[in-house]
Amino acid sequence: MRRTLFAILIILPALLTSSSLFAEEAALPVEPQIVIRHEDEKTLYEHSVNGVITEIKVVPEVGPVYYLVPDDGGGWIKEDRSQMLIPKWILFEW
């Protein structure tokens, strides 16, 4: 009985800490990656998460900035504003 209790007291904390470490790794936020490319008369900012391009910001030398967002059919949709969701939380206010 004592051996079983001793084994449980030794193994249980190890199991609890290892499972919580895996949960923390899975909950880490994914940082977007930005690749800047210069083409003929424009600069492209490719925003990607986990290797998948989420949007492309196009900055032409002449004209307004626009964004290309991937379409479900494999094409691109031209947008005037960014589709990236940026959290703007208010933690304290007085």
N, C-alpha and C. Protein backbone atom coordinates (compact mmCIF):
# COMPACT_ATOMS: atom_id res chain seq x y z
N MET A 1 0.83 -1.19 0.00
CA MET A 1 0.00 0.00 0.00
C MET A 1 0.87 1.25 0.00
N ARG A 2 1.90 1.24 0.84
CA ARG A 2 2.78 2.41 0.90
C ARG A 2 3.52 2.61 -0.42
N ARG A 3 3.92 1.52 -1.05
CA ARG A 3 4.65 1.62 -2.32
C ARG A 3 3.74 2.22 -3.40
N THR A 4 2.50 1.80 -3.42
CA THR A 4 1.55 2.33 -4.40
C THR A 4 1.31 3.81 -4.17
N LEU A 5 1.12 4.19 -2.94
CA LEU A 5 0.91 5.59 -2.60
C LEU A 5 2.14 6.41 -2.95
N PHE A 6 3.32 5.88 -2.64
CA PHE A 6 4.57 6.56 -2.96
C PHE A 6 4.70 6.74 -4.47
N ALA A 7 4.39 5.71 -5.25
CA ALA A 7 4.49 5.79 -6.71
C ALA A 7 3.51 6.82 -7.26
N ILE A 8 2.31 6.87 -6.71
CA ILE A 8 1.32 7.85 -7.17
C ILE A 8 1.78 9.27 -6.86
N LEU A 9 2.33 9.47 -5.69
CA LEU A 9 2.80 10.80 -5.31
C LEU A 9 3.99 11.26 -6.13
N ILE A 10 4.78 10.32 -6.63
CA ILE A 10 5.93 10.68 -7.47
C ILE A 10 5.49 10.91 -8.92
N ILE A 11 4.61 10.08 -9.45
CA ILE A 11 4.24 10.14 -10.86
C ILE A 11 3.21 11.24 -11.15
N LEU A 12 2.28 11.47 -10.25
CA LEU A 12 1.20 12.42 -10.49
C LEU A 12 1.69 13.84 -10.77
N PRO A 13 2.60 14.41 -9.98
CA PRO A 13 3.07 15.77 -10.32
C PRO A 13 3.79 15.84 -11.67
N ALA A 14 4.52 14.79 -12.03
CA ALA A 14 5.21 14.79 -13.32
C ALA A 14 4.20 14.79 -14.46
N LEU A 15 3.12 14.04 -14.33
CA LEU A 15 2.10 14.02 -15.38
C LEU A 15 1.38 15.36 -15.49
N LEU A 16 1.09 15.98 -14.37
CA LEU A 16 0.38 17.25 -14.39
C LEU A 16 1.23 18.36 -15.00
N THR A 17 2.51 18.41 -14.68
CA THR A 17 3.36 19.48 -15.24
C THR A 17 3.61 19.26 -16.72
N SER A 18 3.76 18.02 -17.17
CA SER A 18 4.03 17.79 -18.59
C SER A 18 2.80 18.14 -19.43
N SER A 19 1.61 17.83 -18.97
CA SER A 19 0.41 18.16 -19.74
C SER A 19 0.18 19.67 -19.78
N SER A 20 0.51 20.38 -18.70
CA SER A 20 0.33 21.83 -18.71
C SER A 20 1.35 22.50 -19.62
N LEU A 21 2.54 21.93 -19.76
CA LEU A 21 3.53 22.50 -20.68
C LEU A 21 3.06 22.38 -22.12
N PHE A 22 2.46 21.24 -22.49
CA PHE A 22 1.95 21.09 -23.85
C PHE A 22 0.80 22.04 -24.10
N ALA A 23 -0.03 22.28 -23.12
CA ALA A 23 -1.16 23.20 -23.28
C ALA A 23 -0.65 24.63 -23.47
N GLU A 24 0.41 25.00 -22.76
CA GLU A 24 0.96 26.35 -22.91
C GLU A 24 1.57 26.53 -24.28
N GLU A 25 2.24 25.51 -24.82
CA GLU A 25 2.83 25.62 -26.15
C GLU A 25 1.75 25.75 -27.21
N ALA A 26 0.64 25.05 -27.06
CA ALA A 26 -0.44 25.12 -28.04
C ALA A 26 -1.15 26.47 -27.98
N ALA A 27 -1.13 27.13 -26.82
CA ALA A 27 -1.85 28.39 -26.66
C ALA A 27 -1.00 29.61 -27.03
N LEU A 28 0.26 29.41 -27.40
CA LEU A 28 1.11 30.54 -27.75
C LEU A 28 0.56 31.24 -28.99
N PRO A 29 0.56 32.58 -29.00
CA PRO A 29 0.07 33.29 -30.18
C PRO A 29 1.04 33.13 -31.35
N VAL A 30 0.47 33.08 -32.53
CA VAL A 30 1.27 32.93 -33.73
C VAL A 30 1.59 34.32 -34.27
N GLU A 31 2.85 34.61 -34.42
CA GLU A 31 3.29 35.91 -34.92
C GLU A 31 3.22 35.93 -36.45
N PRO A 32 2.60 36.94 -37.04
CA PRO A 32 2.59 37.02 -38.50
C PRO A 32 3.99 37.38 -39.02
N GLN A 33 4.28 36.89 -40.19
CA GLN A 33 5.57 37.15 -40.81
C GLN A 33 5.34 38.09 -42.00
N ILE A 34 6.19 39.08 -42.16
CA ILE A 34 6.03 40.06 -43.23
C ILE A 34 7.26 40.02 -44.13
N VAL A 35 7.02 39.80 -45.41
CA VAL A 35 8.10 39.78 -46.41
C VAL A 35 7.89 41.00 -47.31
N ILE A 36 8.95 41.82 -47.46
CA ILE A 36 8.86 43.03 -48.26
C ILE A 36 9.55 42.79 -49.60
N ARG A 37 8.82 43.01 -50.70
CA ARG A 37 9.39 42.86 -52.04
C ARG A 37 9.19 44.15 -52.82
N HIS A 38 10.19 44.52 -53.61
CA HIS A 38 10.11 45.70 -54.46
C HIS A 38 9.99 45.23 -55.91
N GLU A 39 8.90 45.65 -56.56
CA GLU A 39 8.71 45.33 -57.97
C GLU A 39 8.81 46.62 -58.77
N ASP A 40 8.39 46.59 -60.02
CA ASP A 40 8.57 47.71 -60.95
C ASP A 40 8.30 49.07 -60.31
N GLU A 41 7.05 49.40 -60.06
CA GLU A 41 6.72 50.71 -59.51
C GLU A 41 5.89 50.58 -58.24
N LYS A 42 6.10 49.50 -57.50
CA LYS A 42 5.34 49.30 -56.27
C LYS A 42 6.13 48.44 -55.29
N THR A 43 5.76 48.56 -54.03
CA THR A 43 6.34 47.76 -52.96
C THR A 43 5.25 46.86 -52.40
N LEU A 44 5.57 45.58 -52.23
CA LEU A 44 4.61 44.59 -51.73
C LEU A 44 5.00 44.14 -50.33
N TYR A 45 4.05 44.15 -49.42
CA TYR A 45 4.24 43.65 -48.06
C TYR A 45 3.37 42.40 -47.93
N GLU A 46 3.99 41.22 -47.94
CA GLU A 46 3.25 39.97 -47.86
C GLU A 46 3.13 39.55 -46.39
N HIS A 47 1.91 39.54 -45.88
CA HIS A 47 1.64 39.11 -44.51
C HIS A 47 1.25 37.64 -44.54
N SER A 48 1.99 36.79 -43.79
CA SER A 48 1.66 35.37 -43.77
C SER A 48 1.71 34.85 -42.34
N VAL A 49 0.86 33.85 -42.08
CA VAL A 49 0.80 33.18 -40.78
C VAL A 49 0.92 31.69 -41.05
N ASN A 50 1.89 31.04 -40.42
CA ASN A 50 2.15 29.61 -40.62
C ASN A 50 2.39 29.28 -42.09
N GLY A 51 3.04 30.17 -42.82
CA GLY A 51 3.37 29.92 -44.22
C GLY A 51 2.24 30.19 -45.20
N VAL A 52 1.09 30.64 -44.73
CA VAL A 52 -0.05 30.93 -45.60
C VAL A 52 -0.22 32.44 -45.69
N ILE A 53 -0.24 32.97 -46.92
CA ILE A 53 -0.38 34.42 -47.11
C ILE A 53 -1.81 34.83 -46.75
N THR A 54 -1.93 35.74 -45.79
CA THR A 54 -3.24 36.21 -45.37
C THR A 54 -3.65 37.48 -46.10
N GLU A 55 -2.69 38.33 -46.46
CA GLU A 55 -2.98 39.51 -47.27
C GLU A 55 -1.69 40.08 -47.80
N ILE A 56 -1.80 40.89 -48.85
CA ILE A 56 -0.66 41.58 -49.45
C ILE A 56 -1.00 43.06 -49.48
N LYS A 57 -0.14 43.86 -48.86
CA LYS A 57 -0.30 45.32 -48.91
C LYS A 57 0.52 45.83 -50.10
N VAL A 58 -0.14 46.55 -51.00
CA VAL A 58 0.52 47.07 -52.20
C VAL A 58 0.64 48.58 -52.05
N VAL A 59 1.89 49.08 -52.11
CA VAL A 59 2.15 50.51 -52.00
C VAL A 59 2.75 50.96 -53.33
N PRO A 60 1.92 51.51 -54.24
CA PRO A 60 2.46 51.99 -55.51
C PRO A 60 3.17 53.33 -55.32
N GLU A 61 4.08 53.64 -56.26
CA GLU A 61 4.77 54.94 -56.19
C GLU A 61 3.78 56.08 -56.38
N VAL A 62 2.79 55.87 -57.24
CA VAL A 62 1.76 56.89 -57.49
C VAL A 62 0.41 56.23 -57.26
N GLY A 63 -0.40 56.86 -56.43
CA GLY A 63 -1.74 56.33 -56.18
C GLY A 63 -1.90 55.85 -54.74
N PRO A 64 -3.13 55.47 -54.39
CA PRO A 64 -3.40 55.06 -53.01
C PRO A 64 -2.94 53.63 -52.73
N VAL A 65 -2.75 53.35 -51.46
CA VAL A 65 -2.40 52.01 -51.00
C VAL A 65 -3.64 51.12 -51.09
N TYR A 66 -3.45 49.86 -51.49
CA TYR A 66 -4.55 48.90 -51.50
C TYR A 66 -4.04 47.54 -51.02
N TYR A 67 -4.99 46.67 -50.71
CA TYR A 67 -4.68 45.37 -50.15
C TYR A 67 -5.25 44.28 -51.05
N LEU A 68 -4.52 43.18 -51.19
CA LEU A 68 -4.99 42.01 -51.91
C LEU A 68 -5.24 40.91 -50.88
N VAL A 69 -6.46 40.40 -50.84
CA VAL A 69 -6.86 39.37 -49.89
C VAL A 69 -7.17 38.10 -50.67
N PRO A 70 -6.71 36.93 -50.22
CA PRO A 70 -6.99 35.71 -50.98
C PRO A 70 -8.48 35.39 -51.04
N ASP A 71 -8.90 34.94 -52.22
CA ASP A 71 -10.28 34.55 -52.46
C ASP A 71 -10.39 33.04 -52.23
N ASP A 72 -11.58 32.56 -51.96
CA ASP A 72 -11.79 31.12 -51.75
C ASP A 72 -11.50 30.32 -53.02
N GLY A 73 -11.68 30.94 -54.17
CA GLY A 73 -11.47 30.24 -55.44
C GLY A 73 -10.03 30.22 -55.91
N GLY A 74 -9.11 30.78 -55.16
CA GLY A 74 -7.70 30.79 -55.54
C GLY A 74 -7.23 32.10 -56.12
N GLY A 75 -8.12 33.08 -56.28
CA GLY A 75 -7.74 34.39 -56.82
C GLY A 75 -7.48 35.38 -55.70
N TRP A 76 -7.51 36.66 -56.05
CA TRP A 76 -7.27 37.73 -55.09
C TRP A 76 -8.36 38.76 -55.18
N ILE A 77 -8.76 39.32 -54.05
CA ILE A 77 -9.76 40.39 -53.99
C ILE A 77 -9.05 41.67 -53.59
N LYS A 78 -9.32 42.76 -54.33
CA LYS A 78 -8.72 44.06 -54.03
C LYS A 78 -9.58 44.78 -53.00
N GLU A 79 -8.97 45.19 -51.89
CA GLU A 79 -9.66 45.87 -50.80
C GLU A 79 -9.00 47.23 -50.54
N ASP A 80 -9.79 48.17 -50.03
CA ASP A 80 -9.25 49.49 -49.68
C ASP A 80 -8.64 49.51 -48.28
N ARG A 81 -9.14 48.61 -47.41
CA ARG A 81 -8.66 48.56 -46.03
C ARG A 81 -8.11 47.17 -45.72
N SER A 82 -7.28 47.11 -44.70
CA SER A 82 -6.71 45.84 -44.27
C SER A 82 -7.77 44.97 -43.62
N GLN A 83 -7.67 43.67 -43.82
CA GLN A 83 -8.59 42.72 -43.21
C GLN A 83 -7.99 42.08 -41.95
N MET A 84 -6.76 42.49 -41.60
CA MET A 84 -6.10 41.94 -40.41
C MET A 84 -6.84 42.42 -39.16
N LEU A 85 -7.13 41.51 -38.27
CA LEU A 85 -7.81 41.85 -37.03
C LEU A 85 -6.76 42.16 -35.97
N ILE A 86 -6.78 43.38 -35.48
CA ILE A 86 -5.83 43.80 -34.45
C ILE A 86 -6.62 44.06 -33.19
N PRO A 87 -6.36 43.28 -32.15
CA PRO A 87 -7.12 43.49 -30.91
C PRO A 87 -6.79 44.84 -30.28
N LYS A 88 -7.82 45.53 -29.85
CA LYS A 88 -7.65 46.83 -29.18
C LYS A 88 -8.41 46.76 -27.87
N TRP A 89 -7.80 46.12 -26.90
CA TRP A 89 -8.44 45.92 -25.62
C TRP A 89 -8.13 47.07 -24.69
N ILE A 90 -9.11 47.45 -23.91
CA ILE A 90 -8.91 48.45 -22.87
C ILE A 90 -8.88 47.69 -21.54
N LEU A 91 -7.72 47.68 -20.91
CA LEU A 91 -7.58 46.97 -19.65
C LEU A 91 -7.98 47.83 -18.47
N PHE A 92 -7.55 49.09 -18.49
CA PHE A 92 -7.88 50.02 -17.42
C PHE A 92 -8.26 51.34 -18.03
N GLU A 93 -9.23 51.98 -17.42
CA GLU A 93 -9.64 53.29 -17.90
C GLU A 93 -10.16 54.08 -16.71
N TRP A 94 -9.71 55.34 -16.58
CA TRP A 94 -10.21 56.17 -15.51
C TRP A 94 -10.22 57.61 -15.94
